[in-house]
C-alpha atoms as a PDB file:
ATOM      1  CA  MET A   1      98.318 102.242 131.575  1.00  0.00           C
ATOM      2  CA  LEU A   2      97.004 101.808 127.890  1.00  0.00           C
ATOM      3  CA  ASP A   3      96.219  98.093 127.671  1.00  0.00           C
ATOM      4  CA  MET A   4      95.827  96.428 124.286  1.00  0.00           C
ATOM      5  CA  LYS A   5      94.730  93.188 125.621  1.00  0.00           C
ATOM      6  CA  ARG A   6      91.238  95.344 127.036  1.00  0.00           C
ATOM      7  CA  VAL A   7      91.214  96.762 123.745  1.00  0.00           C
ATOM      8  CA  LEU A   8      90.760  93.726 122.303  1.00  0.00           C
ATOM      9  CA  ALA A   9      88.506  92.057 125.076  1.00  0.00           C
ATOM     10  CA  LEU A  10      85.832  95.479 124.751  1.00  0.00           C
ATOM     11  CA  GLY A  11      85.976  94.690 121.029  1.00  0.00           C
ATOM     12  CA  ARG A  12      84.666  91.264 122.095  1.00  0.00           C
ATOM     13  CA  ARG A  13      81.563  92.453 123.721  1.00  0.00           C
ATOM     14  CA  ALA A  14      80.406  94.588 120.884  1.00  0.00           C
ATOM     15  CA  ARG A  15      77.263  94.297 119.608  1.00  0.00           C
ATOM     16  CA  GLY A  16      77.196  95.828 116.417  1.00  0.00           C
ATOM     17  CA  PRO A  17      78.648  94.651 113.047  1.00  0.00           C
ATOM     18  CA  VAL A  18      82.151  96.847 111.954  1.00  0.00           C
ATOM     19  CA  GLY A  19      82.512  98.651 108.322  1.00  0.00           C
ATOM     20  CA  ILE A  20      85.820  98.282 106.484  1.00  0.00           C
ATOM     21  CA  GLY A  21      86.701  99.895 103.386  1.00  0.00           C
ATOM     22  CA  MET A  22      88.135  97.782 100.748  1.00  0.00           C
ATOM     23  CA  ARG A  23      89.725  99.700  97.227  1.00  0.00           C
ATOM     24  CA  THR A  24      93.056  97.618  97.083  1.00  0.00           C
ATOM     25  CA  ARG A  25      94.949  95.125  98.659  1.00  0.00           C
ATOM     26  CA  SER A  26      91.515  92.838  99.113  1.00  0.00           C
ATOM     27  CA  ASP A  27      93.824  90.096 100.019  1.00  0.00           C
ATOM     28  CA  ALA A  28      95.226  92.082 102.836  1.00  0.00           C
ATOM     29  CA  VAL A  29      91.599  93.295 104.023  1.00  0.00           C
ATOM     30  CA  ARG A  30      90.175  89.944 103.497  1.00  0.00           C
ATOM     31  CA  MET A  31      92.643  88.247 105.392  1.00  0.00           C
ATOM     32  CA  SER A  32      92.365  90.904 108.167  1.00  0.00           C
ATOM     33  CA  ILE A  33      88.564  89.434 108.429  1.00  0.00           C
ATOM     34  CA  SER A  34      89.538  86.505 109.039  1.00  0.00           C
ATOM     35  CA  GLU A  35      92.032  87.499 111.947  1.00  0.00           C
ATOM     36  CA  ALA A  36      89.117  89.444 113.424  1.00  0.00           C
ATOM     37  CA  ALA A  37      86.788  86.646 113.412  1.00  0.00           C
ATOM     38  CA  ASP A  38      89.491  84.177 114.927  1.00  0.00           C
ATOM     39  CA  ARG A  39      89.589  86.713 118.065  1.00  0.00           C
ATOM     40  CA  GLY A  40      85.956  86.509 118.347  1.00  0.00           C
ATOM     41  CA  LEU A  41      85.326  90.083 117.149  1.00  0.00           C
ATOM     42  CA  PRO A  42      81.702  90.994 115.609  1.00  0.00           C
ATOM     43  CA  GLU A  43      80.651  90.469 111.926  1.00  0.00           C
ATOM     44  CA  ILE A  44      82.975  92.816 109.651  1.00  0.00           C
ATOM     45  CA  VAL A  45      81.322  94.553 106.186  1.00  0.00           C
ATOM     46  CA  VAL A  46      83.403  95.106 103.252  1.00  0.00           C
ATOM     47  CA  TYR A  47      82.671  98.402 101.829  1.00  0.00           C
ATOM     48  CA  GLU A  48      84.153  99.454  98.211  1.00  0.00           C
ATOM     49  CA  ASN A  49      82.333 102.791  98.199  1.00  0.00           C
ATOM     50  CA  SER A  50      83.538 105.874 100.397  1.00  0.00           C
ATOM     51  CA  LYS A  51      79.967 107.082 100.429  1.00  0.00           C
ATOM     52  CA  SER A  52      77.956 104.058 101.278  1.00  0.00           C
ATOM     53  CA  LEU A  53      80.419 103.444 104.572  1.00  0.00           C
ATOM     54  CA  CYS A  54      79.993 106.997 105.656  1.00  0.00           C
ATOM     55  CA  SER A  55      76.368 107.040 105.499  1.00  0.00           C
ATOM     56  CA  ASP A  56      75.649 103.114 107.051  1.00  0.00           C
ATOM     57  CA  LEU A  57      77.995 104.349 109.864  1.00  0.00           C
ATOM     58  CA  SER A  58      75.986 107.829 110.271  1.00  0.00           C
ATOM     59  CA  LYS A  59      72.704 105.786 110.083  1.00  0.00           C
ATOM     60  CA  GLY A  60      73.553 103.115 112.518  1.00  0.00           C
ATOM     61  CA  GLU A  61      73.237 100.173 110.264  1.00  0.00           C
ATOM     62  CA  ILE A  62      77.346  99.637 111.402  1.00  0.00           C
ATOM     63  CA  SER A  63      78.260 100.358 114.828  1.00  0.00           C
ATOM     64  CA  SER A  64      81.553 101.505 113.893  1.00  0.00           C
ATOM     65  CA  ALA A  65      83.804 101.484 111.069  1.00  0.00           C
ATOM     66  CA  VAL A  66      87.431 101.098 110.087  1.00  0.00           C
ATOM     67  CA  ARG A  67      89.234 103.124 106.556  1.00  0.00           C
ATOM     68  CA  GLY A  68      90.716 100.065 105.056  1.00  0.00           C
ATOM     69  CA  THR A  69      92.339 100.688 101.469  1.00  0.00           C
ATOM     70  CA  LEU A  70      89.746 103.240 100.709  1.00  0.00           C
ATOM     71  CA  SER A  71      91.344 106.493  98.788  1.00  0.00           C
ATOM     72  CA  SER A  72      91.465 109.395 101.323  1.00  0.00           C
ATOM     73  CA  THR A  73      90.953 111.708  98.477  1.00  0.00           C
ATOM     74  CA  GLU A  74      87.246 109.970  98.359  1.00  0.00           C
ATOM     75  CA  LEU A  75      86.749 108.944 102.070  1.00  0.00           C
ATOM     76  CA  LEU A  76      87.414 112.165 104.059  1.00  0.00           C
ATOM     77  CA  PRO A  77      85.364 114.802 101.889  1.00  0.00           C
ATOM     78  CA  SER A  78      82.375 111.868 102.495  1.00  0.00           C
ATOM     79  CA  ILE A  79      82.841 111.673 106.093  1.00  0.00           C
ATOM     80  CA  LYS A  80      82.699 115.877 106.009  1.00  0.00           C
ATOM     81  CA  GLU A  81      79.912 116.102 104.314  1.00  0.00           C
ATOM     82  CA  GLU A  82      77.921 112.824 106.473  1.00  0.00           C
ATOM     83  CA  PHE A  83      78.659 114.561 109.568  1.00  0.00           C
ATOM     84  CA  GLY A  84      78.397 118.303 108.800  1.00  0.00           C
ATOM     85  CA  ILE A  85      82.113 119.098 110.028  1.00  0.00           C
ATOM     86  CA  SER A  86      84.581 121.533 108.080  1.00  0.00           C
ATOM     87  CA  THR A  87      87.835 120.148 109.676  1.00  0.00           C
ATOM     88  CA  ILE A  88      89.133 116.269 110.598  1.00  0.00           C
ATOM     89  CA  LEU A  89      90.511 115.857 113.852  1.00  0.00           C
ATOM     90  CA  ARG A  90      92.475 112.373 115.013  1.00  0.00           C
ATOM     91  CA  VAL A  91      94.333 110.936 117.197  1.00  0.00           C
ATOM     92  CA  ALA A  92      96.630 107.611 116.366  1.00  0.00           C
ATOM     93  CA  LEU A  93      96.961 104.781 118.609  1.00  0.00           C
ATOM     94  CA  LEU A  94     100.724 103.848 118.270  1.00  0.00           C
ATOM     95  CA  VAL A  95     102.799 101.030 119.547  1.00  0.00           C
ATOM     96  CA  THR A  96     106.676 101.225 119.759  1.00  0.00           C
ATOM     97  CA  ALA A  97     109.092  98.458 118.915  1.00  0.00           C
ATOM     98  CA  GLY A  98     109.009  97.778 122.804  1.00  0.00           C
ATOM     99  CA  GLY A  99     105.334  97.166 122.735  1.00  0.00           C
ATOM    100  CA  LYS A 100     104.286 100.486 124.798  1.00  0.00           C
ATOM    101  CA  PRO A 101     101.195 101.961 123.330  1.00  0.00           C
ATOM    102  CA  PHE A 102     100.323 105.513 123.331  1.00  0.00           C
ATOM    103  CA  PHE A 103      97.970 108.322 121.855  1.00  0.00           C
ATOM    104  CA  LEU A 104     100.011 110.943 119.895  1.00  0.00           C
ATOM    105  CA  ALA A 105      98.250 114.352 118.546  1.00  0.00           C
ATOM    106  CA  PRO A 106      97.783 115.898 115.903  1.00  0.00           C
ATOM    107  CA  VAL A 107      99.230 113.291 112.880  1.00  0.00           C
ATOM    108  CA  GLY A 108      97.637 115.125 109.500  1.00  0.00           C
ATOM    109  CA  ILE A 109      99.458 117.402 108.207  1.00  0.00           C
ATOM    110  CA  ASP A 110      96.663 120.055 108.275  1.00  0.00           C
ATOM    111  CA  GLU A 111      95.732 119.224 111.676  1.00  0.00           C
ATOM    112  CA  GLY A 112      96.441 121.106 115.369  1.00  0.00           C
ATOM    113  CA  ASN A 113      98.559 123.548 113.885  1.00  0.00           C
ATOM    114  CA  ASN A 114      97.352 126.268 116.089  1.00  0.00           C
ATOM    115  CA  LEU A 115      97.121 126.059 120.515  1.00  0.00           C
ATOM    116  CA  ASP A 116      93.391 125.930 120.216  1.00  0.00           C
ATOM    117  CA  GLU A 117      93.095 123.195 117.976  1.00  0.00           C
ATOM    118  CA  ARG A 118      95.466 120.993 119.319  1.00  0.00           C
ATOM    119  CA  THR A 119      93.690 122.315 122.580  1.00  0.00           C
ATOM    120  CA  GLU A 120      90.822 120.467 121.174  1.00  0.00           C
ATOM    121  CA  LEU A 121      92.171 117.285 120.354  1.00  0.00           C
ATOM    122  CA  LEU A 122      93.844 116.823 123.873  1.00  0.00           C
ATOM    123  CA  ARG A 123      90.566 117.051 124.998  1.00  0.00           C
ATOM    124  CA  GLN A 124      88.914 114.713 122.668  1.00  0.00           C
ATOM    125  CA  GLY A 125      91.699 112.182 122.718  1.00  0.00           C
ATOM    126  CA  VAL A 126      91.589 112.014 126.541  1.00  0.00           C
ATOM    127  CA  ARG A 127      87.433 111.389 126.454  1.00  0.00           C
ATOM    128  CA  PHE A 128      88.645 108.248 124.316  1.00  0.00           C
ATOM    129  CA  LEU A 129      91.355 106.930 126.721  1.00  0.00           C
ATOM    130  CA  LYS A 130      88.842 107.364 129.632  1.00  0.00           C
ATOM    131  CA  CYS A 131      86.388 105.398 127.377  1.00  0.00           C
ATOM    132  CA  LEU A 132      89.124 102.120 127.601  1.00  0.00           C
ATOM    133  CA  GLY A 133      89.554 102.767 131.333  1.00  0.00           C
ATOM    134  CA  VAL A 134      92.780 104.967 131.327  1.00  0.00           C
ATOM    135  CA  ARG A 135      93.019 107.653 133.578  1.00  0.00           C
ATOM    136  CA  PRO A 136      95.342 109.832 131.166  1.00  0.00           C
ATOM    137  CA  LYS A 137      99.255 111.070 131.627  1.00  0.00           C
ATOM    138  CA  ILE A 138      99.953 113.749 129.031  1.00  0.00           C
ATOM    139  CA  ALA A 139     103.120 114.399 127.724  1.00  0.00           C
ATOM    140  CA  VAL A 140     103.232 118.015 125.704  1.00  0.00           C
ATOM    141  CA  LEU A 141     105.977 117.945 122.771  1.00  0.00           C
ATOM    142  CA  SER A 142     107.785 121.632 121.796  1.00  0.00           C
ATOM    143  CA  LYS A 143     110.227 122.373 119.447  1.00  0.00           C
ATOM    144  CA  GLY A 144     113.514 122.035 121.273  1.00  0.00           C
ATOM    145  CA  ARG A 145     114.564 122.081 125.392  1.00  0.00           C
ATOM    146  CA  ALA A 146     113.953 124.586 127.948  1.00  0.00           C
ATOM    147  CA  GLU A 147     117.065 126.362 127.498  1.00  0.00           C
ATOM    148  CA  ASP A 148     116.460 126.634 123.422  1.00  0.00           C
ATOM    149  CA  ALA A 149     114.112 129.659 123.540  1.00  0.00           C
ATOM    150  CA  ARG A 150     116.830 132.193 121.821  1.00  0.00           C
ATOM    151  CA  ARG A 151     117.900 129.766 119.157  1.00  0.00           C
ATOM    152  CA  GLY A 152     115.001 131.176 116.811  1.00  0.00           C
ATOM    153  CA  GLU A 153     111.477 132.710 116.797  1.00  0.00           C
ATOM    154  CA  ASP A 154     109.552 129.689 115.764  1.00  0.00           C
ATOM    155  CA  ILE A 155     111.556 127.631 118.702  1.00  0.00           C
ATOM    156  CA  SER A 156     110.157 130.192 121.193  1.00  0.00           C
ATOM    157  CA  LYS A 157     106.815 130.182 120.017  1.00  0.00           C
ATOM    158  CA  SER A 158     106.620 126.361 120.752  1.00  0.00           C
ATOM    159  CA  LEU A 159     108.119 126.396 124.260  1.00  0.00           C
ATOM    160  CA  ASP A 160     105.332 129.114 125.292  1.00  0.00           C
ATOM    161  CA  GLU A 161     102.708 127.304 123.429  1.00  0.00           C
ATOM    162  CA  GLY A 162     103.743 124.079 124.891  1.00  0.00           C
ATOM    163  CA  ASP A 163     103.613 125.865 128.406  1.00  0.00           C
ATOM    164  CA  ILE A 164     100.255 127.307 127.978  1.00  0.00           C
ATOM    165  CA  LEU A 165      98.798 123.666 126.849  1.00  0.00           C
ATOM    166  CA  THR A 166     100.441 121.754 129.753  1.00  0.00           C
ATOM    167  CA  GLN A 167      98.876 125.038 132.084  1.00  0.00           C
ATOM    168  CA  ARG A 168      95.106 124.144 129.780  1.00  0.00           C
ATOM    169  CA  ALA A 169      95.749 120.124 130.399  1.00  0.00           C
ATOM    170  CA  ARG A 170      95.930 120.795 134.493  1.00  0.00           C
ATOM    171  CA  ALA A 171      93.405 123.086 134.445  1.00  0.00           C
ATOM    172  CA  MET A 172      91.079 120.109 132.878  1.00  0.00           C
ATOM    173  CA  ASP A 173      92.572 118.125 136.095  1.00  0.00           C
ATOM    174  CA  LEU A 174      94.785 115.845 134.062  1.00  0.00           C
ATOM    175  CA  GLU A 175      98.475 114.931 134.930  1.00  0.00           C
ATOM    176  CA  ALA A 176     100.511 116.860 132.389  1.00  0.00           C
ATOM    177  CA  GLU A 177     104.167 117.772 131.863  1.00  0.00           C
ATOM    178  CA  HIS A 178     105.817 119.941 129.167  1.00  0.00           C
ATOM    179  CA  ARG A 179     108.643 117.532 127.910  1.00  0.00           C
ATOM    180  CA  TYR A 180     110.099 120.266 125.368  1.00  0.00           C
ATOM    181  CA  ILE A 181     111.435 117.832 122.379  1.00  0.00           C
ATOM    182  CA  LEU A 182     112.496 115.059 124.781  1.00  0.00           C
ATOM    183  CA  ILE A 183     110.192 112.576 123.020  1.00  0.00           C
ATOM    184  CA  GLU A 184     111.982 109.655 124.074  1.00  0.00           C
ATOM    185  CA  GLN A 185     111.247 110.251 127.825  1.00  0.00           C
ATOM    186  CA  ALA A 186     108.000 111.541 126.999  1.00  0.00           C
ATOM    187  CA  VAL A 187     106.767 107.957 125.476  1.00  0.00           C
ATOM    188  CA  GLU A 188     107.975 106.420 128.534  1.00  0.00           C
ATOM    189  CA  ALA A 189     106.144 108.830 131.003  1.00  0.00           C
ATOM    190  CA  ALA A 190     102.934 109.378 129.202  1.00  0.00           C
ATOM    191  CA  ASP A 191     100.144 107.420 127.732  1.00  0.00           C
ATOM    192  CA  PHE A 192      98.884 110.173 125.183  1.00  0.00           C
ATOM    193  CA  LEU A 193     101.630 112.745 123.687  1.00  0.00           C
ATOM    194  CA  ILE A 194     100.303 116.412 121.735  1.00  0.00           C
ATOM    195  CA  ALA A 195     102.998 117.250 119.474  1.00  0.00           C
ATOM    196  CA  PRO A 196     103.837 121.264 118.367  1.00  0.00           C
ATOM    197  CA  ASP A 197     102.338 120.985 115.313  1.00  0.00           C
ATOM    198  CA  GLY A 198     100.510 118.533 112.302  1.00  0.00           C
ATOM    199  CA  VAL A 199     103.949 117.705 110.246  1.00  0.00           C
ATOM    200  CA  SER A 200     105.774 116.816 113.213  1.00  0.00           C
ATOM    201  CA  GLY A 201     103.212 114.589 114.326  1.00  0.00           C
ATOM    202  CA  ASN A 202     103.025 113.014 110.699  1.00  0.00           C
ATOM    203  CA  LEU A 203     106.935 112.803 110.878  1.00  0.00           C
ATOM    204  CA  ILE A 204     107.073 111.130 114.087  1.00  0.00           C
ATOM    205  CA  PHE A 205     103.986 108.649 113.030  1.00  0.00           C
ATOM    206  CA  ARG A 206     106.085 107.969 110.065  1.00  0.00           C
ATOM    207  CA  SER A 207     109.558 107.466 111.861  1.00  0.00           C
ATOM    208  CA  LEU A 208     107.806 104.703 114.015  1.00  0.00           C
ATOM    209  CA  TYR A 209     106.109 103.095 112.150  1.00  0.00           C
ATOM    210  CA  PHE A 210     108.056 102.775 108.329  1.00  0.00           C
ATOM    211  CA  LEU A 211     111.560 103.168 110.152  1.00  0.00           C
ATOM    212  CA  GLY A 212     111.617 102.261 113.884  1.00  0.00           C
ATOM    213  CA  LYS A 213     109.664  98.565 113.386  1.00  0.00           C
ATOM    214  CA  GLY A 214     106.706 100.140 115.558  1.00  0.00           C
ATOM    215  CA  ASP A 215     102.788  99.687 114.643  1.00  0.00           C
ATOM    216  CA  ALA A 216     100.056 102.202 113.902  1.00  0.00           C
ATOM    217  CA  VAL A 217      96.775 100.510 114.946  1.00  0.00           C
ATOM    218  CA  GLY A 218      94.618 103.173 113.818  1.00  0.00           C
ATOM    219  CA  ALA A 219      93.464 107.004 114.288  1.00  0.00           C
ATOM    220  CA  PRO A 220      89.916 107.236 115.548  1.00  0.00           C
ATOM    221  CA  ILE A 221      88.439 110.653 114.147  1.00  0.00           C
ATOM    222  CA  VAL A 222      87.874 112.750 117.459  1.00  0.00           C
ATOM    223  CA  ASN A 223      85.122 115.302 116.457  1.00  0.00           C
ATOM    224  CA  ILE A 224      82.004 113.184 114.794  1.00  0.00           C
ATOM    225  CA  PRO A 225      79.466 111.141 116.936  1.00  0.00           C
ATOM    226  CA  ALA A 226      80.234 107.982 115.385  1.00  0.00           C
ATOM    227  CA  ILE A 227      83.400 106.032 115.536  1.00  0.00           C
ATOM    228  CA  PHE A 228      85.604 105.715 112.490  1.00  0.00           C
ATOM    229  CA  VAL A 229      89.395 104.571 112.809  1.00  0.00           C
ATOM    230  CA  ASP A 230      91.646 106.078 110.057  1.00  0.00           C
ATOM    231  CA  THR A 231      94.312 103.728 108.680  1.00  0.00           C
ATOM    232  CA  SER A 232      97.275 103.612 106.468  1.00  0.00           C
ATOM    233  CA  ARG A 233      96.309 101.940 103.299  1.00  0.00           C
ATOM    234  CA  ASP A 234      99.980 100.350 103.755  1.00  0.00           C
ATOM    235  CA  LYS A 235      98.887  98.992 106.728  1.00  0.00           C
ATOM    236  CA  ARG A 236     100.389  94.936 106.779  1.00  0.00           C
ATOM    237  CA  SER A 237      96.927  93.985 109.074  1.00  0.00           C
ATOM    238  CA  TYR A 238      93.703  95.720 110.264  1.00  0.00           C
ATOM    239  CA  HIS A 239      92.345  93.299 112.475  1.00  0.00           C
ATOM    240  CA  ASP A 240      94.019  95.754 115.294  1.00  0.00           C
ATOM    241  CA  ALA A 241      92.020  98.635 113.849  1.00  0.00           C
ATOM    242  CA  LEU A 242      88.865  96.610 113.873  1.00  0.00           C
ATOM    243  CA  ALA A 243      89.347  95.911 117.267  1.00  0.00           C
ATOM    244  CA  LEU A 244      89.821  99.372 118.090  1.00  0.00           C
ATOM    245  CA  ALA A 245      86.788 100.304 116.615  1.00  0.00           C
ATOM    246  CA  ALA A 246      85.150  97.688 117.885  1.00  0.00           C
ATOM    247  CA  GLY A 247      86.341  98.700 121.243  1.00  0.00           C
ATOM    248  CA  LEU A 248      85.645 101.910 121.560  1.00  0.00           C
ATOM    249  CA  GLU A 249      82.187 101.103 120.422  1.00  0.00           C
ATOM    250  CA  ALA A 250      81.450  98.754 123.549  1.00  0.00           C
ATOM    251  CA  ALA A 251      83.577 101.319 126.095  1.00  0.00           C
ATOM    252  CA  ARG A 252      81.208 103.973 124.827  1.00  0.00           C
ATOM    253  CA  GLU A 253      77.799 101.836 125.458  1.00  0.00           C
ATOM    254  CA  ASP A 254      79.014 100.360 128.885  1.00  0.00           C
ATOM    255  CA  MET A 255      79.406 104.483 129.487  1.00  0.00           C
ATOM    256  CA  ARG A 256      75.644 105.278 128.142  1.00  0.00           C
ATOM    257  CA  ARG A 257      74.177 102.400 130.449  1.00  0.00           C
ATOM    258  CA  GLY A 258      76.722 104.182 133.231  1.00  0.00           C
ATOM    259  CA  ASP A 259      75.134 107.343 132.358  1.00  0.00           C
ATOM    260  CA  LYS A 260      71.111 105.808 132.439  1.00  0.00           C
ATOM    261  CA  SER A 261      71.837 103.457 135.722  1.00  0.00           C
END
């Protein structure tokens, strides 16, 4: 099971500094840096420029990064240019009001809108979960119950794709169930939920965070070689996102050392 205490413990072991963007709400960013220091996280470096943040991350001047309050309009193109990618894929770490953490993808409205892209999000998200010491349980969501196939072509297609994605997950030797539209069951049973498309995933994220009194820790970008955690500019505090970025980097370093030994 995913454990936020383990994430923080890993973050304390990270060596290099963590970068965070700050364009607005400087008080919230600086308070988060203070909280991170109190929790024993590594040095935090503030960036007011998206290109500088991405460049330093790419060159290894910082070990990981958090978006903070930088504008996504400026930041996302900078990430694409710096890392040579055309599409950004993110997997969000959310926490329910009851304290249950889980990963969710896709979460961007233009992400995961075909079966192959959701399969790649599944593959890369599992890699991050395994970094954190979790043997993931997968819940695939779709746009109806199993008996709802006759209620529309879009629903029928979503149910079929949910079955296919579940089969692909099992072929990766993962524990996976097609939970259909029953997200209330999925979040209790699984560590990693796959929404039927990016719009659905974004609505799940917004409903939990803005209406449901849950928390959104951050969304690691999974298709670049560096650790970058995207966040909402309206987030109350960034100390948990900083811990996630540092923890993922520490876990990845542990895996590198294990591969060499």
